[in-house]
Amino acid sequence: MSRGDDSRIDPADYSALSNFLRGYLHEDSALEYESPRAAAQAFRKDADERETSIVRSELDHLLQVTSAVPESQLIRILADQLGCRRHFRTRKEVEQLRDALK
């Protein structure tokens, strides 16, 4: 993924992550969870270790393939291509979400 492209990813490569984002970081998630970390903790209680591991792995991979793009592009990918409706301001916040899935 280069700086000059439109930072498109194939959402099919991130289906578990997208399901997590749509299910736990949706439009009303701020009413249900005080933070993305709290949403991740709720997911860990609801999901088995295998499912949690897949989501964490997909998020880690996304962070790797977007490491050279501006934070704003990563945030747009999460929202526009993967269905996240909770607003992240920085890459570090997204990394903290990944870490909360451990």
C-alpha atoms as a PDB file:
ATOM      1  CA  MET A   1       0.000   0.000   0.000  1.00  0.00           C
ATOM      2  CA  SER A   2       1.709   3.183  -1.115  1.00  0.00           C
ATOM      3  CA  ARG A   3       1.027   6.774  -0.170  1.00  0.00           C
ATOM      4  CA  GLY A   4      -0.208   7.514  -3.671  1.00  0.00           C
ATOM      5  CA  ASP A   5      -2.992   4.955  -3.756  1.00  0.00           C
ATOM      6  CA  ASP A   6      -6.423   5.335  -2.262  1.00  0.00           C
ATOM      7  CA  SER A   7      -5.533   2.960   0.585  1.00  0.00           C
ATOM      8  CA  ARG A   8      -8.086   0.392  -0.477  1.00  0.00           C
ATOM      9  CA  ILE A   9      -7.949  -2.909   1.273  1.00  0.00           C
ATOM     10  CA  ASP A  10      -9.969  -5.992   0.499  1.00  0.00           C
ATOM     11  CA  PRO A  11     -12.633  -6.136   3.218  1.00  0.00           C
ATOM     12  CA  ALA A  12     -12.905  -9.901   2.632  1.00  0.00           C
ATOM     13  CA  ASP A  13      -9.427 -10.202   4.154  1.00  0.00           C
ATOM     14  CA  TYR A  14     -10.760  -8.625   7.347  1.00  0.00           C
ATOM     15  CA  SER A  15     -14.188 -10.217   7.735  1.00  0.00           C
ATOM     16  CA  ALA A  16     -13.792 -11.138  11.421  1.00  0.00           C
ATOM     17  CA  LEU A  17     -12.459  -7.667  12.213  1.00  0.00           C
ATOM     18  CA  SER A  18     -15.316  -6.048  10.310  1.00  0.00           C
ATOM     19  CA  ASN A  19     -17.871  -8.176  12.175  1.00  0.00           C
ATOM     20  CA  PHE A  20     -16.301  -7.136  15.486  1.00  0.00           C
ATOM     21  CA  LEU A  21     -16.249  -3.441  14.536  1.00  0.00           C
ATOM     22  CA  ARG A  22     -19.858  -3.486  13.318  1.00  0.00           C
ATOM     23  CA  GLY A  23     -21.024  -5.426  16.351  1.00  0.00           C
ATOM     24  CA  TYR A  24     -19.112  -3.667  19.121  1.00  0.00           C
ATOM     25  CA  LEU A  25     -18.013  -0.273  17.759  1.00  0.00           C
ATOM     26  CA  HIS A  26     -21.256   0.727  16.047  1.00  0.00           C
ATOM     27  CA  GLU A  27     -23.137   4.058  16.139  1.00  0.00           C
ATOM     28  CA  ASP A  28     -24.467   3.523  19.665  1.00  0.00           C
ATOM     29  CA  SER A  29     -21.367   1.893  21.123  1.00  0.00           C
ATOM     30  CA  ALA A  30     -20.510   4.991  23.177  1.00  0.00           C
ATOM     31  CA  LEU A  31     -23.771   4.430  25.068  1.00  0.00           C
ATOM     32  CA  GLU A  32     -22.914   0.784  25.736  1.00  0.00           C
ATOM     33  CA  TYR A  33     -19.164   0.975  26.350  1.00  0.00           C
ATOM     34  CA  GLU A  34     -17.188   3.824  27.860  1.00  0.00           C
ATOM     35  CA  SER A  35     -14.265   3.169  25.516  1.00  0.00           C
ATOM     36  CA  PRO A  36     -13.133   0.977  22.637  1.00  0.00           C
ATOM     37  CA  ARG A  37     -11.095  -0.940  25.235  1.00  0.00           C
ATOM     38  CA  ALA A  38     -14.310  -1.710  27.157  1.00  0.00           C
ATOM     39  CA  ALA A  39     -15.930  -2.890  23.917  1.00  0.00           C
ATOM     40  CA  ALA A  40     -12.946  -5.175  23.294  1.00  0.00           C
ATOM     41  CA  GLN A  41     -13.256  -6.585  26.803  1.00  0.00           C
ATOM     42  CA  ALA A  42     -16.962  -7.283  26.236  1.00  0.00           C
ATOM     43  CA  PHE A  43     -16.114  -9.016  22.964  1.00  0.00           C
ATOM     44  CA  ARG A  44     -13.518 -11.174  24.727  1.00  0.00           C
ATOM     45  CA  LYS A  45     -16.197 -12.306  27.191  1.00  0.00           C
ATOM     46  CA  ASP A  46     -18.646 -13.110  24.385  1.00  0.00           C
ATOM     47  CA  ALA A  47     -16.257 -14.735  21.895  1.00  0.00           C
ATOM     48  CA  ASP A  48     -14.093 -17.791  22.211  1.00  0.00           C
ATOM     49  CA  GLU A  49     -10.297 -17.543  22.167  1.00  0.00           C
ATOM     50  CA  ARG A  50     -10.087 -18.607  18.515  1.00  0.00           C
ATOM     51  CA  GLU A  51     -12.435 -15.856  17.346  1.00  0.00           C
ATOM     52  CA  THR A  52     -10.666 -13.263  19.496  1.00  0.00           C
ATOM     53  CA  SER A  53      -7.310 -14.368  18.098  1.00  0.00           C
ATOM     54  CA  ILE A  54      -8.547 -14.012  14.512  1.00  0.00           C
ATOM     55  CA  VAL A  55      -9.867 -10.486  15.122  1.00  0.00           C
ATOM     56  CA  ARG A  56      -6.631  -9.478  16.849  1.00  0.00           C
ATOM     57  CA  SER A  57      -4.569 -10.976  14.016  1.00  0.00           C
ATOM     58  CA  GLU A  58      -6.602  -9.179  11.336  1.00  0.00           C
ATOM     59  CA  LEU A  59      -6.274  -5.869  13.182  1.00  0.00           C
ATOM     60  CA  ASP A  60      -2.547  -6.422  13.619  1.00  0.00           C
ATOM     61  CA  HIS A  61      -2.219  -7.169   9.899  1.00  0.00           C
ATOM     62  CA  LEU A  62      -4.190  -4.031   9.013  1.00  0.00           C
ATOM     63  CA  LEU A  63      -1.881  -1.952  11.196  1.00  0.00           C
ATOM     64  CA  GLN A  64       1.128  -3.492   9.450  1.00  0.00           C
ATOM     65  CA  VAL A  65      -0.098  -2.894   5.899  1.00  0.00           C
ATOM     66  CA  THR A  66      -1.073   0.696   6.721  1.00  0.00           C
ATOM     67  CA  SER A  67       2.098   1.550   8.629  1.00  0.00           C
ATOM     68  CA  ALA A  68       3.311   3.886   5.873  1.00  0.00           C
ATOM     69  CA  VAL A  69       0.049   5.775   5.374  1.00  0.00           C
ATOM     70  CA  PRO A  70      -1.185   8.769   7.370  1.00  0.00           C
ATOM     71  CA  GLU A  71      -3.320   8.064  10.437  1.00  0.00           C
ATOM     72  CA  SER A  72      -6.283   9.677   8.723  1.00  0.00           C
ATOM     73  CA  GLN A  73      -6.228   7.009   6.004  1.00  0.00           C
ATOM     74  CA  LEU A  74      -6.169   4.195   8.558  1.00  0.00           C
ATOM     75  CA  ILE A  75      -9.130   5.771  10.328  1.00  0.00           C
ATOM     76  CA  ARG A  76     -11.018   6.121   7.011  1.00  0.00           C
ATOM     77  CA  ILE A  77     -10.351   2.460   6.202  1.00  0.00           C
ATOM     78  CA  LEU A  78     -11.787   1.421   9.562  1.00  0.00           C
ATOM     79  CA  ALA A  79     -14.901   3.533   9.012  1.00  0.00           C
ATOM     80  CA  ASP A  80     -15.539   3.382   5.277  1.00  0.00           C
ATOM     81  CA  GLN A  81     -14.381  -0.123   4.425  1.00  0.00           C
ATOM     82  CA  LEU A  82     -14.763  -2.067   7.668  1.00  0.00           C
ATOM     83  CA  GLY A  83     -17.818  -0.468   9.270  1.00  0.00           C
ATOM     84  CA  CYS A  84     -16.354   1.029  12.441  1.00  0.00           C
ATOM     85  CA  ARG A  85     -18.535   3.867  13.736  1.00  0.00           C
ATOM     86  CA  ARG A  86     -16.513   4.700  16.844  1.00  0.00           C
ATOM     87  CA  HIS A  87     -14.146   7.536  15.966  1.00  0.00           C
ATOM     88  CA  PHE A  88     -10.448   6.952  16.488  1.00  0.00           C
ATOM     89  CA  ARG A  89      -8.179   9.997  16.463  1.00  0.00           C
ATOM     90  CA  THR A  90      -4.771   8.326  16.288  1.00  0.00           C
ATOM     91  CA  ARG A  91      -3.042   5.127  15.220  1.00  0.00           C
ATOM     92  CA  LYS A  92      -2.043   4.664  18.866  1.00  0.00           C
ATOM     93  CA  GLU A  93      -5.729   4.397  19.834  1.00  0.00           C
ATOM     94  CA  VAL A  94      -6.175   1.658  17.223  1.00  0.00           C
ATOM     95  CA  GLU A  95      -3.071  -0.101  18.559  1.00  0.00           C
ATOM     96  CA  GLN A  96      -4.564   0.095  22.057  1.00  0.00           C
ATOM     97  CA  LEU A  97      -7.708  -1.585  20.743  1.00  0.00           C
ATOM     98  CA  ARG A  98      -5.579  -4.387  19.303  1.00  0.00           C
ATOM     99  CA  ASP A  99      -3.750  -4.737  22.616  1.00  0.00           C
ATOM    100  CA  ALA A 100      -7.055  -4.925  24.503  1.00  0.00           C
ATOM    101  CA  LEU A 101      -7.898  -8.004  22.452  1.00  0.00           C
ATOM    102  CA  LYS A 102      -4.965  -9.923  23.995  1.00  0.00           C
END
